[in-house]
Amino acid sequence: MPLIFRGVRDNRCVTLKIRIDDSAAPYEQVRAQISEQARSGVLPVGYRLPTVRGLAESLGLAANTVAKAYRALESDGVIETRGRNGTFVAAAGSAAERELAAAAQVYAERARQLGQDEKTALAAVRDALRAAQGER
């Protein structure tokens, strides 16, 4: 069942859907959906996200699962925590930079799933970039 939050600033509706039968872990689903909604502008800069406990309870997840997603999002620069004031969508670079960061996150997760180490994964990226630049 989708979870809908009313926006603090302009009453935008935000929907998160967690699928238990999905191959992606629940924390990754939360991270990916919030990241995409922030990148696309559905979640505007400054939008206040629910607390970890509040979101976990609403989604029927453990608080640690949502906390892990929030930590990953903060590490990616998608959100920022302002102590007791809450967690907000951060202003983070251009749309191209945000999209690139999202693509890199997906690639890194896939490389991990395939059991590849950092050296091998980076070599594959370098090869792909060289090939793409050679096509220009």
C-alpha atoms as a PDB file:
ATOM      1  CA  MET A   1       0.000   0.000   0.000  1.00  0.00           C
ATOM      2  CA  PRO A   2       1.482   3.387  -0.942  1.00  0.00           C
ATOM      3  CA  LEU A   3       2.279   5.859   1.770  1.00  0.00           C
ATOM      4  CA  ILE A   4       1.327   9.461   1.031  1.00  0.00           C
ATOM      5  CA  PHE A   5       2.759  12.484   2.836  1.00  0.00           C
ATOM      6  CA  ARG A   6       1.392  15.980   2.572  1.00  0.00           C
ATOM      7  CA  GLY A   7       4.078  18.520   1.764  1.00  0.00           C
ATOM      8  CA  VAL A   8       4.931  21.056   4.448  1.00  0.00           C
ATOM      9  CA  ARG A   9       5.339  23.942   2.013  1.00  0.00           C
ATOM     10  CA  ASP A  10       2.799  23.507  -0.747  1.00  0.00           C
ATOM     11  CA  ASN A  11       0.665  20.432  -0.046  1.00  0.00           C
ATOM     12  CA  ARG A  12       2.393  18.303  -2.666  1.00  0.00           C
ATOM     13  CA  CYS A  13       1.642  14.611  -2.319  1.00  0.00           C
ATOM     14  CA  VAL A  14       4.616  12.305  -2.015  1.00  0.00           C
ATOM     15  CA  THR A  15       4.175   8.580  -2.433  1.00  0.00           C
ATOM     16  CA  LEU A  16       6.505   5.797  -1.329  1.00  0.00           C
ATOM     17  CA  LYS A  17       5.780   2.187  -2.260  1.00  0.00           C
ATOM     18  CA  ILE A  18       7.658  -0.644  -0.592  1.00  0.00           C
ATOM     19  CA  ARG A  19       7.312  -4.016  -2.260  1.00  0.00           C
ATOM     20  CA  ILE A  20       8.290  -6.913  -0.033  1.00  0.00           C
ATOM     21  CA  ASP A  21       8.563  -9.245  -3.041  1.00  0.00           C
ATOM     22  CA  ASP A  22      10.990  -6.875  -4.805  1.00  0.00           C
ATOM     23  CA  SER A  23      14.588  -8.049  -5.143  1.00  0.00           C
ATOM     24  CA  ALA A  24      15.805  -4.679  -3.807  1.00  0.00           C
ATOM     25  CA  ALA A  25      16.105  -4.372  -0.033  1.00  0.00           C
ATOM     26  CA  PRO A  26      13.471  -2.164   1.633  1.00  0.00           C
ATOM     27  CA  TYR A  27      16.089   0.457   2.644  1.00  0.00           C
ATOM     28  CA  GLU A  28      17.228   0.631  -0.996  1.00  0.00           C
ATOM     29  CA  GLN A  29      13.639   1.097  -2.166  1.00  0.00           C
ATOM     30  CA  VAL A  30      13.183   3.990   0.279  1.00  0.00           C
ATOM     31  CA  ARG A  31      16.536   5.506  -0.746  1.00  0.00           C
ATOM     32  CA  ALA A  32      15.891   5.152  -4.471  1.00  0.00           C
ATOM     33  CA  GLN A  33      12.366   6.573  -4.333  1.00  0.00           C
ATOM     34  CA  ILE A  34      13.268   9.598  -2.212  1.00  0.00           C
ATOM     35  CA  SER A  35      16.363  10.207  -4.346  1.00  0.00           C
ATOM     36  CA  GLU A  36      14.379  10.058  -7.593  1.00  0.00           C
ATOM     37  CA  GLN A  37      11.615  12.292  -6.245  1.00  0.00           C
ATOM     38  CA  ALA A  38      14.178  14.848  -5.077  1.00  0.00           C
ATOM     39  CA  ARG A  39      16.044  14.691  -8.407  1.00  0.00           C
ATOM     40  CA  SER A  40      12.861  15.115 -10.441  1.00  0.00           C
ATOM     41  CA  GLY A  41      11.564  17.977  -8.302  1.00  0.00           C
ATOM     42  CA  VAL A  42       8.571  16.101  -6.879  1.00  0.00           C
ATOM     43  CA  LEU A  43      10.240  16.715  -3.520  1.00  0.00           C
ATOM     44  CA  PRO A  44      11.382  20.334  -3.691  1.00  0.00           C
ATOM     45  CA  VAL A  45      14.513  21.655  -2.014  1.00  0.00           C
ATOM     46  CA  GLY A  46      13.658  22.374   1.610  1.00  0.00           C
ATOM     47  CA  TYR A  47      10.866  19.793   1.810  1.00  0.00           C
ATOM     48  CA  ARG A  48      10.760  18.389   5.334  1.00  0.00           C
ATOM     49  CA  LEU A  49      10.800  14.592   5.408  1.00  0.00           C
ATOM     50  CA  PRO A  50       9.117  12.537   8.117  1.00  0.00           C
ATOM     51  CA  THR A  51      11.175  11.427  11.090  1.00  0.00           C
ATOM     52  CA  VAL A  52      12.892   8.059  10.856  1.00  0.00           C
ATOM     53  CA  ARG A  53      10.508   6.557  13.382  1.00  0.00           C
ATOM     54  CA  GLY A  54       7.456   8.135  11.778  1.00  0.00           C
ATOM     55  CA  LEU A  55       8.324   6.900   8.302  1.00  0.00           C
ATOM     56  CA  ALA A  56       9.286   3.449   9.589  1.00  0.00           C
ATOM     57  CA  GLU A  57       5.990   3.098  11.435  1.00  0.00           C
ATOM     58  CA  SER A  58       3.977   4.286   8.431  1.00  0.00           C
ATOM     59  CA  LEU A  59       5.724   1.871   6.081  1.00  0.00           C
ATOM     60  CA  GLY A  60       5.751  -1.039   8.511  1.00  0.00           C
ATOM     61  CA  LEU A  61       9.556  -1.174   8.496  1.00  0.00           C
ATOM     62  CA  ALA A  62      12.138  -1.248  11.262  1.00  0.00           C
ATOM     63  CA  ALA A  63      13.480   2.166  12.254  1.00  0.00           C
ATOM     64  CA  ASN A  64      17.023   0.968  11.460  1.00  0.00           C
ATOM     65  CA  THR A  65      15.947   0.266   7.864  1.00  0.00           C
ATOM     66  CA  VAL A  66      14.736   3.835   7.341  1.00  0.00           C
ATOM     67  CA  ALA A  67      17.755   5.221   9.221  1.00  0.00           C
ATOM     68  CA  LYS A  68      20.044   3.317   6.832  1.00  0.00           C
ATOM     69  CA  ALA A  69      18.220   4.838   3.834  1.00  0.00           C
ATOM     70  CA  TYR A  70      18.440   8.339   5.339  1.00  0.00           C
ATOM     71  CA  ARG A  71      22.189   7.896   6.006  1.00  0.00           C
ATOM     72  CA  ALA A  72      22.744   6.830   2.390  1.00  0.00           C
ATOM     73  CA  LEU A  73      20.690   9.780   1.130  1.00  0.00           C
ATOM     74  CA  GLU A  74      22.638  12.169   3.328  1.00  0.00           C
ATOM     75  CA  SER A  75      25.913  10.690   2.117  1.00  0.00           C
ATOM     76  CA  ASP A  76      24.710  11.193  -1.472  1.00  0.00           C
ATOM     77  CA  GLY A  77      23.854  14.838  -0.687  1.00  0.00           C
ATOM     78  CA  VAL A  78      20.158  14.326  -1.404  1.00  0.00           C
ATOM     79  CA  ILE A  79      18.996  15.187   2.110  1.00  0.00           C
ATOM     80  CA  GLU A  80      20.414  17.054   5.065  1.00  0.00           C
ATOM     81  CA  THR A  81      19.720  16.571   8.740  1.00  0.00           C
ATOM     82  CA  ARG A  82      19.367  19.697  10.805  1.00  0.00           C
ATOM     83  CA  GLY A  83      19.453  18.143  14.255  1.00  0.00           C
ATOM     84  CA  ARG A  84      16.197  18.508  16.152  1.00  0.00           C
ATOM     85  CA  ASN A  85      14.745  20.636  13.352  1.00  0.00           C
ATOM     86  CA  GLY A  86      14.362  17.600  11.100  1.00  0.00           C
ATOM     87  CA  THR A  87      15.510  16.173   7.810  1.00  0.00           C
ATOM     88  CA  PHE A  88      15.114  18.131   4.589  1.00  0.00           C
ATOM     89  CA  VAL A  89      15.689  17.731   0.863  1.00  0.00           C
ATOM     90  CA  ALA A  90      19.036  19.386   0.182  1.00  0.00           C
ATOM     91  CA  ALA A  91      20.037  21.712  -2.601  1.00  0.00           C
ATOM     92  CA  ALA A  92      22.539  19.587  -4.478  1.00  0.00           C
ATOM     93  CA  GLY A  93      24.179  20.669  -7.705  1.00  0.00           C
ATOM     94  CA  SER A  94      22.654  20.668 -11.142  1.00  0.00           C
ATOM     95  CA  ALA A  95      20.071  18.183 -12.336  1.00  0.00           C
ATOM     96  CA  ALA A  96      22.781  16.501 -14.431  1.00  0.00           C
ATOM     97  CA  GLU A  97      25.031  16.082 -11.381  1.00  0.00           C
ATOM     98  CA  ARG A  98      22.167  14.625  -9.351  1.00  0.00           C
ATOM     99  CA  GLU A  99      21.256  12.238 -12.160  1.00  0.00           C
ATOM    100  CA  LEU A 100      24.893  11.197 -12.518  1.00  0.00           C
ATOM    101  CA  ALA A 101      25.105  10.535  -8.766  1.00  0.00           C
ATOM    102  CA  ALA A 102      21.931   8.438  -8.906  1.00  0.00           C
ATOM    103  CA  ALA A 103      23.288   6.416 -11.846  1.00  0.00           C
ATOM    104  CA  ALA A 104      26.579   5.897 -10.021  1.00  0.00           C
ATOM    105  CA  GLN A 105      24.709   4.645  -6.944  1.00  0.00           C
ATOM    106  CA  VAL A 106      22.788   2.118  -9.052  1.00  0.00           C
ATOM    107  CA  TYR A 107      26.030   0.991 -10.730  1.00  0.00           C
ATOM    108  CA  ALA A 108      27.851   0.643  -7.398  1.00  0.00           C
ATOM    109  CA  GLU A 109      25.029  -1.449  -5.964  1.00  0.00           C
ATOM    110  CA  ARG A 110      24.988  -3.679  -9.042  1.00  0.00           C
ATOM    111  CA  ALA A 111      28.774  -4.113  -8.925  1.00  0.00           C
ATOM    112  CA  ARG A 112      28.438  -5.152  -5.269  1.00  0.00           C
ATOM    113  CA  GLN A 113      25.669  -7.636  -6.144  1.00  0.00           C
ATOM    114  CA  LEU A 114      27.934  -9.137  -8.810  1.00  0.00           C
ATOM    115  CA  GLY A 115      30.717  -9.516  -6.252  1.00  0.00           C
ATOM    116  CA  GLN A 116      33.098  -7.131  -7.997  1.00  0.00           C
ATOM    117  CA  ASP A 117      35.722  -5.215  -6.064  1.00  0.00           C
ATOM    118  CA  GLU A 118      36.283  -1.445  -6.330  1.00  0.00           C
ATOM    119  CA  LYS A 119      39.263  -1.792  -8.672  1.00  0.00           C
ATOM    120  CA  THR A 120      37.338  -3.920 -11.185  1.00  0.00           C
ATOM    121  CA  ALA A 121      34.223  -1.725 -11.010  1.00  0.00           C
ATOM    122  CA  LEU A 122      36.237   1.469 -11.559  1.00  0.00           C
ATOM    123  CA  ALA A 123      38.114  -0.109 -14.472  1.00  0.00           C
ATOM    124  CA  ALA A 124      34.798  -0.957 -16.126  1.00  0.00           C
ATOM    125  CA  VAL A 125      33.634   2.650 -15.707  1.00  0.00           C
ATOM    126  CA  ARG A 126      36.882   4.013 -17.159  1.00  0.00           C
ATOM    127  CA  ASP A 127      36.564   1.686 -20.170  1.00  0.00           C
ATOM    128  CA  ALA A 128      32.942   2.733 -20.726  1.00  0.00           C
ATOM    129  CA  LEU A 129      33.834   6.437 -20.483  1.00  0.00           C
ATOM    130  CA  ARG A 130      36.705   6.028 -22.958  1.00  0.00           C
ATOM    131  CA  ALA A 131      34.418   4.209 -25.375  1.00  0.00           C
ATOM    132  CA  ALA A 132      31.720   6.868 -25.045  1.00  0.00           C
ATOM    133  CA  GLN A 133      34.206   9.692 -25.612  1.00  0.00           C
ATOM    134  CA  GLY A 134      35.615   7.903 -28.662  1.00  0.00           C
ATOM    135  CA  GLU A 135      32.143   7.883 -30.237  1.00  0.00           C
ATOM    136  CA  ARG A 136      31.936  11.689 -30.202  1.00  0.00           C
END
